[in-house]
Amino acid sequence: MESRTLREIAKVIRSKNAKPFRITLDVLFDRQDVFDYVKSTGALSVETVAKAYGLPTDAFTSSFVFDAGMAFKFTYRRPVVQGSVGDTDIYGAQQHAPLFDIRIPWSVEAPEVA
């Protein structure tokens, strides 16, 4: 079975602060068929994201699918408190890159993507 990376199929992949102790990751789609397909595979999960980040799954405090926004959201505990010594990204805006290469199985039933 073929696969596609999130960077190939998602419209927006971003990270941001979720107050000083957490970072939220968002994966948003601009096509309902692609969003529905990704959701149906189960490939975008806490386990998959934790593996991409090298974190234990219990570092994640929440994850959910927001159907109305065609989005997946994951929140994990920051390794250091925002703005403290050792914080390399005070805004949490540069933490999304590990999501880019998460692979989603792409079968013949998958929607056509450019």
PDB file of N, CA and C in Angstrom:
ATOM      1  N   MET A   1       0.835  -1.176   0.000  1.00  0.00           N
ATOM      2  CA  MET A   1       0.000   0.000   0.000  1.00  0.00           C
ATOM      3  C   MET A   1       0.886   1.249   0.000  1.00  0.00           C
ATOM      4  N   GLU A   2       0.501   2.196  -0.783  1.00  0.00           N
ATOM      5  CA  GLU A   2       1.217   3.466  -0.817  1.00  0.00           C
ATOM      6  C   GLU A   2       0.890   4.279   0.428  1.00  0.00           C
ATOM      7  N   SER A   3       1.590   5.384   0.585  1.00  0.00           N
ATOM      8  CA  SER A   3       1.284   6.302   1.681  1.00  0.00           C
ATOM      9  C   SER A   3       1.596   7.727   1.235  1.00  0.00           C
ATOM     10  N   ARG A   4       1.054   8.666   1.969  1.00  0.00           N
ATOM     11  CA  ARG A   4       1.304  10.095   1.741  1.00  0.00           C
ATOM     12  C   ARG A   4       1.735  10.708   3.065  1.00  0.00           C
ATOM     13  N   THR A   5       2.568  11.720   2.993  1.00  0.00           N
ATOM     14  CA  THR A   5       2.943  12.427   4.216  1.00  0.00           C
ATOM     15  C   THR A   5       1.884  13.486   4.524  1.00  0.00           C
ATOM     16  N   LEU A   6       1.808  13.854   5.776  1.00  0.00           N
ATOM     17  CA  LEU A   6       0.864  14.910   6.148  1.00  0.00           C
ATOM     18  C   LEU A   6       1.143  16.199   5.383  1.00  0.00           C
ATOM     19  N   ARG A   7       2.415  16.495   5.152  1.00  0.00           N
ATOM     20  CA  ARG A   7       2.726  17.738   4.434  1.00  0.00           C
ATOM     21  C   ARG A   7       2.156  17.736   3.017  1.00  0.00           C
ATOM     22  N   GLU A   8       1.924  16.556   2.449  1.00  0.00           N
ATOM     23  CA  GLU A   8       1.350  16.455   1.106  1.00  0.00           C
ATOM     24  C   GLU A   8      -0.161  16.645   1.092  1.00  0.00           C
ATOM     25  N   ILE A   9      -0.824  16.331   2.184  1.00  0.00           N
ATOM     26  CA  ILE A   9      -2.290  16.277   2.145  1.00  0.00           C
ATOM     27  C   ILE A   9      -3.006  17.256   3.067  1.00  0.00           C
ATOM     28  N   ALA A  10      -2.323  17.792   4.075  1.00  0.00           N
ATOM     29  CA  ALA A  10      -2.964  18.743   4.992  1.00  0.00           C
ATOM     30  C   ALA A  10      -2.794  20.159   4.471  1.00  0.00           C
ATOM     31  N   LYS A  11      -3.761  21.005   4.741  1.00  0.00           N
ATOM     32  CA  LYS A  11      -3.695  22.411   4.334  1.00  0.00           C
ATOM     33  C   LYS A  11      -2.821  23.211   5.302  1.00  0.00           C
ATOM     34  N   VAL A  12      -2.977  22.962   6.605  1.00  0.00           N
ATOM     35  CA  VAL A  12      -2.233  23.689   7.632  1.00  0.00           C
ATOM     36  C   VAL A  12      -1.721  22.692   8.661  1.00  0.00           C
ATOM     37  N   ILE A  13      -0.448  22.820   9.003  1.00  0.00           N
ATOM     38  CA  ILE A  13       0.163  22.070  10.098  1.00  0.00           C
ATOM     39  C   ILE A  13       0.872  23.116  10.944  1.00  0.00           C
ATOM     40  N   ARG A  14       0.451  23.230  12.225  1.00  0.00           N
ATOM     41  CA  ARG A  14       1.019  24.308  13.041  1.00  0.00           C
ATOM     42  C   ARG A  14       1.106  23.880  14.494  1.00  0.00           C
ATOM     43  N   SER A  15       1.881  24.657  15.235  1.00  0.00           N
ATOM     44  CA  SER A  15       1.979  24.476  16.676  1.00  0.00           C
ATOM     45  C   SER A  15       1.823  25.843  17.323  1.00  0.00           C
ATOM     46  N   LYS A  16       1.405  25.825  18.587  1.00  0.00           N
ATOM     47  CA  LYS A  16       1.224  27.083  19.314  1.00  0.00           C
ATOM     48  C   LYS A  16       1.183  26.794  20.798  1.00  0.00           C
ATOM     49  N   ASN A  17       1.420  27.834  21.583  1.00  0.00           N
ATOM     50  CA  ASN A  17       1.321  27.697  23.026  1.00  0.00           C
ATOM     51  C   ASN A  17      -0.095  27.359  23.427  1.00  0.00           C
ATOM     52  N   ALA A  18      -0.193  26.564  24.462  1.00  0.00           N
ATOM     53  CA  ALA A  18      -1.468  26.316  25.111  1.00  0.00           C
ATOM     54  C   ALA A  18      -1.222  26.664  26.585  1.00  0.00           C
ATOM     55  N   LYS A  19      -1.028  27.955  26.818  1.00  0.00           N
ATOM     56  CA  LYS A  19      -0.607  28.493  28.115  1.00  0.00           C
ATOM     57  C   LYS A  19       0.860  28.120  28.339  1.00  0.00           C
ATOM     58  N   PRO A  20       1.446  28.432  29.486  1.00  0.00           N
ATOM     59  CA  PRO A  20       2.902  28.269  29.626  1.00  0.00           C
ATOM     60  C   PRO A  20       3.405  26.842  29.816  1.00  0.00           C
ATOM     61  N   PHE A  21       2.497  25.894  29.978  1.00  0.00           N
ATOM     62  CA  PHE A  21       2.936  24.542  30.294  1.00  0.00           C
ATOM     63  C   PHE A  21       2.671  23.509  29.196  1.00  0.00           C
ATOM     64  N   ARG A  22       2.021  23.931  28.117  1.00  0.00           N
ATOM     65  CA  ARG A  22       1.649  22.972  27.078  1.00  0.00           C
ATOM     66  C   ARG A  22       1.815  23.569  25.679  1.00  0.00           C
ATOM     67  N   ILE A  23       1.916  22.691  24.701  1.00  0.00           N
ATOM     68  CA  ILE A  23       1.945  23.082  23.288  1.00  0.00           C
ATOM     69  C   ILE A  23       0.847  22.296  22.581  1.00  0.00           C
ATOM     70  N   THR A  24       0.127  22.989  21.705  1.00  0.00           N
ATOM     71  CA  THR A  24      -0.920  22.356  20.911  1.00  0.00           C
ATOM     72  C   THR A  24      -0.460  22.250  19.467  1.00  0.00           C
ATOM     73  N   LEU A  25      -0.736  21.107  18.882  1.00  0.00           N
ATOM     74  CA  LEU A  25      -0.444  20.836  17.477  1.00  0.00           C
ATOM     75  C   LEU A  25      -1.767  20.740  16.732  1.00  0.00           C
ATOM     76  N   ASP A  26      -1.861  21.408  15.604  1.00  0.00           N
ATOM     77  CA  ASP A  26      -3.071  21.384  14.786  1.00  0.00           C
ATOM     78  C   ASP A  26      -2.729  20.864  13.396  1.00  0.00           C
ATOM     79  N   VAL A  27      -3.585  19.981  12.900  1.00  0.00           N
ATOM     80  CA  VAL A  27      -3.501  19.518  11.518  1.00  0.00           C
ATOM     81  C   VAL A  27      -4.876  19.780  10.919  1.00  0.00           C
ATOM     82  N   LEU A  28      -4.934  20.699   9.940  1.00  0.00           N
ATOM     83  CA  LEU A  28      -6.202  21.112   9.350  1.00  0.00           C
ATOM     84  C   LEU A  28      -6.241  20.760   7.869  1.00  0.00           C
ATOM     85  N   PHE A  29      -7.424  20.409   7.421  1.00  0.00           N
ATOM     86  CA  PHE A  29      -7.627  20.032   6.027  1.00  0.00           C
ATOM     87  C   PHE A  29      -8.597  21.008   5.374  1.00  0.00           C
ATOM     88  N   ASP A  30      -8.480  21.172   4.065  1.00  0.00           N
ATOM     89  CA  ASP A  30      -9.390  22.060   3.340  1.00  0.00           C
ATOM     90  C   ASP A  30     -10.349  21.299   2.435  1.00  0.00           C
ATOM     91  N   ARG A  31     -10.268  19.962   2.509  1.00  0.00           N
ATOM     92  CA  ARG A  31     -11.189  19.125   1.721  1.00  0.00           C
ATOM     93  C   ARG A  31     -11.811  18.078   2.629  1.00  0.00           C
ATOM     94  N   GLN A  32     -13.119  18.033   2.625  1.00  0.00           N
ATOM     95  CA  GLN A  32     -13.844  17.095   3.480  1.00  0.00           C
ATOM     96  C   GLN A  32     -13.488  15.648   3.150  1.00  0.00           C
ATOM     97  N   ASP A  33     -13.338  15.326   1.864  1.00  0.00           N
ATOM     98  CA  ASP A  33     -13.046  13.936   1.494  1.00  0.00           C
ATOM     99  C   ASP A  33     -11.681  13.483   2.001  1.00  0.00           C
ATOM    100  N   VAL A  34     -10.699  14.367   1.952  1.00  0.00           N
ATOM    101  CA  VAL A  34      -9.362  14.022   2.440  1.00  0.00           C
ATOM    102  C   VAL A  34      -9.388  13.893   3.964  1.00  0.00           C
ATOM    103  N   PHE A  35     -10.017  14.847   4.640  1.00  0.00           N
ATOM    104  CA  PHE A  35     -10.150  14.788   6.094  1.00  0.00           C
ATOM    105  C   PHE A  35     -10.831  13.488   6.521  1.00  0.00           C
ATOM    106  N   ASP A  36     -11.949  13.169   5.900  1.00  0.00           N
ATOM    107  CA  ASP A  36     -12.686  11.956   6.253  1.00  0.00           C
ATOM    108  C   ASP A  36     -11.844  10.708   6.021  1.00  0.00           C
ATOM    109  N   TYR A  37     -11.100  10.699   4.931  1.00  0.00           N
ATOM    110  CA  TYR A  37     -10.261   9.539   4.642  1.00  0.00           C
ATOM    111  C   TYR A  37      -9.176   9.380   5.708  1.00  0.00           C
ATOM    112  N   VAL A  38      -8.467  10.463   6.024  1.00  0.00           N
ATOM    113  CA  VAL A  38      -7.409  10.397   7.034  1.00  0.00           C
ATOM    114  C   VAL A  38      -7.999   9.921   8.360  1.00  0.00           C
ATOM    115  N   LYS A  39      -9.132  10.462   8.723  1.00  0.00           N
ATOM    116  CA  LYS A  39      -9.788  10.057   9.966  1.00  0.00           C
ATOM    117  C   LYS A  39     -10.115   8.565   9.933  1.00  0.00           C
ATOM    118  N   SER A  40     -10.587   8.072   8.811  1.00  0.00           N
ATOM    119  CA  SER A  40     -10.985   6.659   8.709  1.00  0.00           C
ATOM    120  C   SER A  40      -9.805   5.704   8.825  1.00  0.00           C
ATOM    121  N   THR A  41      -8.599   6.151   8.489  1.00  0.00           N
ATOM    122  CA  THR A  41      -7.435   5.263   8.565  1.00  0.00           C
ATOM    123  C   THR A  41      -6.984   5.030  10.001  1.00  0.00           C
ATOM    124  N   GLY A  42      -7.266   5.990  10.889  1.00  0.00           N
ATOM    125  CA  GLY A  42      -6.789   5.884  12.263  1.00  0.00           C
ATOM    126  C   GLY A  42      -5.295   6.102  12.388  1.00  0.00           C
ATOM    127  N   ALA A  43      -4.649   6.509  11.303  1.00  0.00           N
ATOM    128  CA  ALA A  43      -3.192   6.650  11.289  1.00  0.00           C
ATOM    129  C   ALA A  43      -2.694   7.901  12.010  1.00  0.00           C
ATOM    130  N   LEU A  44      -3.549   8.881  12.194  1.00  0.00           N
ATOM    131  CA  LEU A  44      -3.145  10.106  12.890  1.00  0.00           C
ATOM    132  C   LEU A  44      -3.696  10.018  14.314  1.00  0.00           C
ATOM    133  N   SER A  45      -2.856   9.515  15.193  1.00  0.00           N
ATOM    134  CA  SER A  45      -3.271   9.222  16.564  1.00  0.00           C
ATOM    135  C   SER A  45      -2.229   9.737  17.553  1.00  0.00           C
ATOM    136  N   VAL A  46      -2.572   9.694  18.831  1.00  0.00           N
ATOM    137  CA  VAL A  46      -1.608  10.075  19.866  1.00  0.00           C
ATOM    138  C   VAL A  46      -0.355   9.212  19.755  1.00  0.00           C
ATOM    139  N   GLU A  47      -0.534   7.929  19.509  1.00  0.00           N
ATOM    140  CA  GLU A  47       0.619   7.038  19.405  1.00  0.00           C
ATOM    141  C   GLU A  47       1.541   7.439  18.258  1.00  0.00           C
ATOM    142  N   THR A  48       0.955   7.768  17.130  1.00  0.00           N
ATOM    143  CA  THR A  48       1.746   8.168  15.960  1.00  0.00           C
ATOM    144  C   THR A  48       2.472   9.486  16.216  1.00  0.00           C
ATOM    145  N   VAL A  49       1.758  10.449  16.781  1.00  0.00           N
ATOM    146  CA  VAL A  49       2.357  11.761  17.046  1.00  0.00           C
ATOM    147  C   VAL A  49       3.425  11.638  18.130  1.00  0.00           C
ATOM    148  N   ALA A  50       3.152  10.884  19.178  1.00  0.00           N
ATOM    149  CA  ALA A  50       4.140  10.692  20.249  1.00  0.00           C
ATOM    150  C   ALA A  50       5.423  10.089  19.683  1.00  0.00           C
ATOM    151  N   LYS A  51       5.279   9.119  18.802  1.00  0.00           N
ATOM    152  CA  LYS A  51       6.457   8.499  18.183  1.00  0.00           C
ATOM    153  C   LYS A  51       7.238   9.528  17.364  1.00  0.00           C
ATOM    154  N   ALA A  52       6.539  10.361  16.597  1.00  0.00           N
ATOM    155  CA  ALA A  52       7.215  11.388  15.785  1.00  0.00           C
ATOM    156  C   ALA A  52       7.987  12.377  16.651  1.00  0.00           C
ATOM    157  N   TYR A  53       7.499  12.631  17.837  1.00  0.00           N
ATOM    158  CA  TYR A  53       8.132  13.591  18.747  1.00  0.00           C
ATOM    159  C   TYR A  53       9.091  12.935  19.731  1.00  0.00           C
ATOM    160  N   GLY A  54       9.141  11.615  19.739  1.00  0.00           N
ATOM    161  CA  GLY A  54      10.002  10.929  20.688  1.00  0.00           C
ATOM    162  C   GLY A  54       9.528  11.106  22.121  1.00  0.00           C
ATOM    163  N   LEU A  55       8.218  11.193  22.293  1.00  0.00           N
ATOM    164  CA  LEU A  55       7.626  11.400  23.618  1.00  0.00           C
ATOM    165  C   LEU A  55       6.802  10.180  24.014  1.00  0.00           C
ATOM    166  N   PRO A  56       6.652   9.964  25.312  1.00  0.00           N
ATOM    167  CA  PRO A  56       5.725   8.911  25.735  1.00  0.00           C
ATOM    168  C   PRO A  56       4.290   9.398  25.505  1.00  0.00           C
ATOM    169  N   THR A  57       3.379   8.484  25.291  1.00  0.00           N
ATOM    170  CA  THR A  57       1.989   8.897  25.049  1.00  0.00           C
ATOM    171  C   THR A  57       1.403   9.639  26.245  1.00  0.00           C
ATOM    172  N   ASP A  58       1.892   9.373  27.438  1.00  0.00           N
ATOM    173  CA  ASP A  58       1.331  10.071  28.600  1.00  0.00           C
ATOM    174  C   ASP A  58       1.799  11.527  28.706  1.00  0.00           C
ATOM    175  N   ALA A  59       2.691  11.965  27.804  1.00  0.00           N
ATOM    176  CA  ALA A  59       3.051  13.391  27.744  1.00  0.00           C
ATOM    177  C   ALA A  59       1.923  14.202  27.113  1.00  0.00           C
ATOM    178  N   PHE A  60       1.013  13.522  26.440  1.00  0.00           N
ATOM    179  CA  PHE A  60      -0.103  14.191  25.767  1.00  0.00           C
ATOM    180  C   PHE A  60      -1.273  14.318  26.739  1.00  0.00           C
ATOM    181  N   THR A  61      -1.730  15.542  26.892  1.00  0.00           N
ATOM    182  CA  THR A  61      -2.815  15.804  27.842  1.00  0.00           C
ATOM    183  C   THR A  61      -4.177  15.783  27.178  1.00  0.00           C
ATOM    184  N   SER A  62      -4.207  15.939  25.855  1.00  0.00           N
ATOM    185  CA  SER A  62      -5.473  15.836  25.139  1.00  0.00           C
ATOM    186  C   SER A  62      -5.212  15.597  23.656  1.00  0.00           C
ATOM    187  N   SER A  63      -6.208  15.020  23.038  1.00  0.00           N
ATOM    188  CA  SER A  63      -6.215  14.886  21.585  1.00  0.00           C
ATOM    189  C   SER A  63      -7.667  14.704  21.176  1.00  0.00           C
ATOM    190  N   PHE A  64      -8.009  15.317  20.075  1.00  0.00           N
ATOM    191  CA  PHE A  64      -9.366  15.127  19.578  1.00  0.00           C
ATOM    192  C   PHE A  64      -9.454  15.506  18.120  1.00  0.00           C
ATOM    193  N   VAL A  65     -10.513  15.008  17.515  1.00  0.00           N
ATOM    194  CA  VAL A  65     -10.834  15.343  16.131  1.00  0.00           C
ATOM    195  C   VAL A  65     -11.960  16.366  16.196  1.00  0.00           C
ATOM    196  N   PHE A  66     -11.761  17.488  15.514  1.00  0.00           N
ATOM    197  CA  PHE A  66     -12.767  18.544  15.461  1.00  0.00           C
ATOM    198  C   PHE A  66     -13.391  18.493  14.070  1.00  0.00           C
ATOM    199  N   ASP A  67     -14.504  17.750  13.951  1.00  0.00           N
ATOM    200  CA  ASP A  67     -15.119  17.521  12.649  1.00  0.00           C
ATOM    201  C   ASP A  67     -15.538  18.809  11.956  1.00  0.00           C
ATOM    202  N   ALA A  68     -16.144  19.737  12.692  1.00  0.00           N
ATOM    203  CA  ALA A  68     -16.630  20.984  12.079  1.00  0.00           C
ATOM    204  C   ALA A  68     -15.499  21.806  11.471  1.00  0.00           C
ATOM    205  N   GLY A  69     -14.299  21.675  12.022  1.00  0.00           N
ATOM    206  CA  GLY A  69     -13.148  22.415  11.507  1.00  0.00           C
ATOM    207  C   GLY A  69     -12.227  21.576  10.645  1.00  0.00           C
ATOM    208  N   MET A  70     -12.603  20.320  10.381  1.00  0.00           N
ATOM    209  CA  MET A  70     -11.760  19.384   9.634  1.00  0.00           C
ATOM    210  C   MET A  70     -10.335  19.391  10.191  1.00  0.00           C
ATOM    211  N   ALA A  71     -10.243  19.169  11.509  1.00  0.00           N
ATOM    212  CA  ALA A  71      -8.960  19.303  12.190  1.00  0.00           C
ATOM    213  C   ALA A  71      -8.708  18.182  13.188  1.00  0.00           C
ATOM    214  N   PHE A  72      -7.436  17.907  13.379  1.00  0.00           N
ATOM    215  CA  PHE A  72      -6.947  17.044  14.450  1.00  0.00           C
ATOM    216  C   PHE A  72      -6.151  17.946  15.383  1.00  0.00           C
ATOM    217  N   LYS A  73      -6.327  17.769  16.687  1.00  0.00           N
ATOM    218  CA  LYS A  73      -5.613  18.585  17.665  1.00  0.00           C
ATOM    219  C   LYS A  73      -4.979  17.676  18.710  1.00  0.00           C
ATOM    220  N   PHE A  74      -3.739  17.969  19.031  1.00  0.00           N
ATOM    221  CA  PHE A  74      -2.986  17.218  20.039  1.00  0.00           C
ATOM    222  C   PHE A  74      -2.308  18.230  20.957  1.00  0.00           C
ATOM    223  N   THR A  75      -2.353  17.991  22.248  1.00  0.00           N
ATOM    224  CA  THR A  75      -1.698  18.882  23.197  1.00  0.00           C
ATOM    225  C   THR A  75      -0.775  18.056  24.082  1.00  0.00           C
ATOM    226  N   TYR A  76       0.463  18.543  24.232  1.00  0.00           N
ATOM    227  CA  TYR A  76       1.425  17.846  25.093  1.00  0.00           C
ATOM    228  C   TYR A  76       2.086  18.836  26.051  1.00  0.00           C
ATOM    229  N   ARG A  77       2.621  18.269  27.135  1.00  0.00           N
ATOM    230  CA  ARG A  77       3.315  19.093  28.127  1.00  0.00           C
ATOM    231  C   ARG A  77       4.642  19.578  27.558  1.00  0.00           C
ATOM    232  N   ARG A  78       4.904  20.863  27.728  1.00  0.00           N
ATOM    233  CA  ARG A  78       6.191  21.427  27.306  1.00  0.00           C
ATOM    234  C   ARG A  78       7.307  20.817  28.139  1.00  0.00           C
ATOM    235  N   PRO A  79       8.470  20.584  27.545  1.00  0.00           N
ATOM    236  CA  PRO A  79       9.583  20.041  28.334  1.00  0.00           C
ATOM    237  C   PRO A  79      10.105  21.032  29.374  1.00  0.00           C
ATOM    238  N   VAL A  80       9.997  22.327  29.086  1.00  0.00           N
ATOM    239  CA  VAL A  80      10.325  23.381  30.065  1.00  0.00           C
ATOM    240  C   VAL A  80       9.223  24.430  29.979  1.00  0.00           C
ATOM    241  N   VAL A  81       9.011  25.130  31.068  1.00  0.00           N
ATOM    242  CA  VAL A  81       7.965  26.152  31.117  1.00  0.00           C
ATOM    243  C   VAL A  81       8.296  27.282  30.148  1.00  0.00           C
ATOM    244  N   GLN A  82       7.279  27.788  29.475  1.00  0.00           N
ATOM    245  CA  GLN A  82       7.446  28.870  28.512  1.00  0.00           C
ATOM    246  C   GLN A  82       8.219  30.028  29.132  1.00  0.00           C
ATOM    247  N   GLY A  83       9.265  30.465  28.435  1.00  0.00           N
ATOM    248  CA  GLY A  83      10.047  31.623  28.848  1.00  0.00           C
ATOM    249  C   GLY A  83      11.081  31.346  29.918  1.00  0.00           C
ATOM    250  N   SER A  84      11.162  30.122  30.391  1.00  0.00           N
ATOM    251  CA  SER A  84      12.160  29.823  31.422  1.00  0.00           C
ATOM    252  C   SER A  84      13.495  29.481  30.761  1.00  0.00           C
ATOM    253  N   VAL A  85      14.523  29.381  31.571  1.00  0.00           N
ATOM    254  CA  VAL A  85      15.844  29.025  31.066  1.00  0.00           C
ATOM    255  C   VAL A  85      15.744  27.685  30.339  1.00  0.00           C
ATOM    256  N   GLY A  86      16.275  27.638  29.145  1.00  0.00           N
ATOM    257  CA  GLY A  86      16.249  26.418  28.352  1.00  0.00           C
ATOM    258  C   GLY A  86      15.112  26.355  27.343  1.00  0.00           C
ATOM    259  N   ASP A  87      14.181  27.304  27.422  1.00  0.00           N
ATOM    260  CA  ASP A  87      13.085  27.338  26.449  1.00  0.00           C
ATOM    261  C   ASP A  87      13.634  27.870  25.133  1.00  0.00           C
ATOM    262  N   THR A  88      13.495  27.100  24.077  1.00  0.00           N
ATOM    263  CA  THR A  88      14.043  27.505  22.778  1.00  0.00           C
ATOM    264  C   THR A  88      12.984  28.069  21.836  1.00  0.00           C
ATOM    265  N   ASP A  89      11.728  28.083  22.268  1.00  0.00           N
ATOM    266  CA  ASP A  89      10.648  28.569  21.407  1.00  0.00           C
ATOM    267  C   ASP A  89       9.539  29.143  22.296  1.00  0.00           C
ATOM    268  N   ILE A  90       9.688  30.379  22.671  1.00  0.00           N
ATOM    269  CA  ILE A  90       8.764  30.992  23.628  1.00  0.00           C
ATOM    270  C   ILE A  90       7.315  30.989  23.148  1.00  0.00           C
ATOM    271  N   TYR A  91       7.108  31.030  21.837  1.00  0.00           N
ATOM    272  CA  TYR A  91       5.749  31.058  21.294  1.00  0.00           C
ATOM    273  C   TYR A  91       5.202  29.662  20.968  1.00  0.00           C
ATOM    274  N   GLY A  92       6.058  28.674  20.996  1.00  0.00           N
ATOM    275  CA  GLY A  92       5.622  27.327  20.640  1.00  0.00           C
ATOM    276  C   GLY A  92       5.287  27.192  19.172  1.00  0.00           C
ATOM    277  N   ALA A  93       5.725  28.143  18.366  1.00  0.00           N
ATOM    278  CA  ALA A  93       5.332  28.203  16.960  1.00  0.00           C
ATOM    279  C   ALA A  93       6.256  27.428  16.026  1.00  0.00           C
ATOM    280  N   GLN A  94       7.320  26.857  16.553  1.00  0.00           N
ATOM    281  CA  GLN A  94       8.277  26.148  15.694  1.00  0.00           C
ATOM    282  C   GLN A  94       8.346  24.665  16.036  1.00  0.00           C
ATOM    283  N   GLN A  95       7.292  24.128  16.610  1.00  0.00           N
ATOM    284  CA  GLN A  95       7.317  22.751  17.088  1.00  0.00           C
ATOM    285  C   GLN A  95       6.533  21.777  16.210  1.00  0.00           C
ATOM    286  N   HIS A  96       6.090  22.209  15.061  1.00  0.00           N
ATOM    287  CA  HIS A  96       5.222  21.375  14.234  1.00  0.00           C
ATOM    288  C   HIS A  96       5.957  20.509  13.205  1.00  0.00           C
ATOM    289  N   ALA A  97       7.218  20.745  12.974  1.00  0.00           N
ATOM    290  CA  ALA A  97       7.942  20.042  11.911  1.00  0.00           C
ATOM    291  C   ALA A  97       7.888  18.510  12.009  1.00  0.00           C
ATOM    292  N   PRO A  98       7.945  17.893  13.183  1.00  0.00           N
ATOM    293  CA  PRO A  98       7.862  16.428  13.220  1.00  0.00           C
ATOM    294  C   PRO A  98       6.564  15.863  12.632  1.00  0.00           C
ATOM    295  N   LEU A  99       5.522  16.682  12.552  1.00  0.00           N
ATOM    296  CA  LEU A  99       4.270  16.212  11.964  1.00  0.00           C
ATOM    297  C   LEU A  99       4.372  16.051  10.441  1.00  0.00           C
ATOM    298  N   PHE A 100       5.230  16.816   9.811  1.00  0.00           N
ATOM    299  CA  PHE A 100       5.308  16.846   8.348  1.00  0.00           C
ATOM    300  C   PHE A 100       5.444  15.463   7.724  1.00  0.00           C
ATOM    301  N   ASP A 101       6.268  14.626   8.315  1.00  0.00           N
ATOM    302  CA  ASP A 101       6.612  13.354   7.692  1.00  0.00           C
ATOM    303  C   ASP A 101       5.822  12.162   8.217  1.00  0.00           C
ATOM    304  N   ILE A 102       4.791  12.401   9.031  1.00  0.00           N
ATOM    305  CA  ILE A 102       3.925  11.295   9.433  1.00  0.00           C
ATOM    306  C   ILE A 102       3.245  10.766   8.182  1.00  0.00           C
ATOM    307  N   ARG A 103       3.301   9.469   8.014  1.00  0.00           N
ATOM    308  CA  ARG A 103       2.771   8.846   6.805  1.00  0.00           C
ATOM    309  C   ARG A 103       1.366   8.311   7.045  1.00  0.00           C
ATOM    310  N   ILE A 104       0.497   8.576   6.072  1.00  0.00           N
ATOM    311  CA  ILE A 104      -0.885   8.116   6.088  1.00  0.00           C
ATOM    312  C   ILE A 104      -1.028   7.073   4.978  1.00  0.00           C
ATOM    313  N   PRO A 105      -1.521   5.876   5.290  1.00  0.00           N
ATOM    314  CA  PRO A 105      -1.726   4.870   4.237  1.00  0.00           C
ATOM    315  C   PRO A 105      -2.664   5.422   3.163  1.00  0.00           C
ATOM    316  N   TRP A 106      -2.319   5.196   1.918  1.00  0.00           N
ATOM    317  CA  TRP A 106      -3.108   5.761   0.810  1.00  0.00           C
ATOM    318  C   TRP A 106      -3.493   4.645  -0.137  1.00  0.00           C
ATOM    319  N   SER A 107      -4.717   4.172  -0.011  1.00  0.00           N
ATOM    320  CA  SER A 107      -5.181   3.044  -0.813  1.00  0.00           C
ATOM    321  C   SER A 107      -5.897   3.536  -2.069  1.00  0.00           C
ATOM    322  N   VAL A 108      -6.374   2.597  -2.862  1.00  0.00           N
ATOM    323  CA  VAL A 108      -7.085   2.966  -4.090  1.00  0.00           C
ATOM    324  C   VAL A 108      -8.401   3.674  -3.782  1.00  0.00           C
ATOM    325  N   GLU A 109      -8.933   3.496  -2.571  1.00  0.00           N
ATOM    326  CA  GLU A 109     -10.177   4.183  -2.184  1.00  0.00           C
ATOM    327  C   GLU A 109      -9.917   5.626  -1.747  1.00  0.00           C
ATOM    328  N   ALA A 110      -8.673   6.009  -1.611  1.00  0.00           N
ATOM    329  CA  ALA A 110      -8.324   7.343  -1.136  1.00  0.00           C
ATOM    330  C   ALA A 110      -8.680   8.394  -2.181  1.00  0.00           C
ATOM    331  N   PRO A 111      -9.007   9.604  -1.718  1.00  0.00           N
ATOM    332  CA  PRO A 111      -9.288  10.680  -2.677  1.00  0.00           C
ATOM    333  C   PRO A 111      -8.054  11.053  -3.494  1.00  0.00           C
ATOM    334  N   GLU A 112      -8.285  11.592  -4.633  1.00  0.00           N
ATOM    335  CA  GLU A 112      -7.187  12.061  -5.501  1.00  0.00           C
ATOM    336  C   GLU A 112      -6.601  13.337  -4.887  1.00  0.00           C
ATOM    337  N   VAL A 113      -5.283  13.372  -4.761  1.00  0.00           N
ATOM    338  CA  VAL A 113      -4.593  14.578  -4.286  1.00  0.00           C
ATOM    339  C   VAL A 113      -3.490  14.926  -5.256  1.00  0.00           C
ATOM    340  N   ALA A 114      -3.227  16.214  -5.368  1.00  0.00           N
ATOM    341  CA  ALA A 114      -2.194  16.660  -6.311  1.00  0.00           C
ATOM    342  C   ALA A 114      -0.821  16.394  -5.787  1.00  0.00           C
TER     343      ALA A 114
END
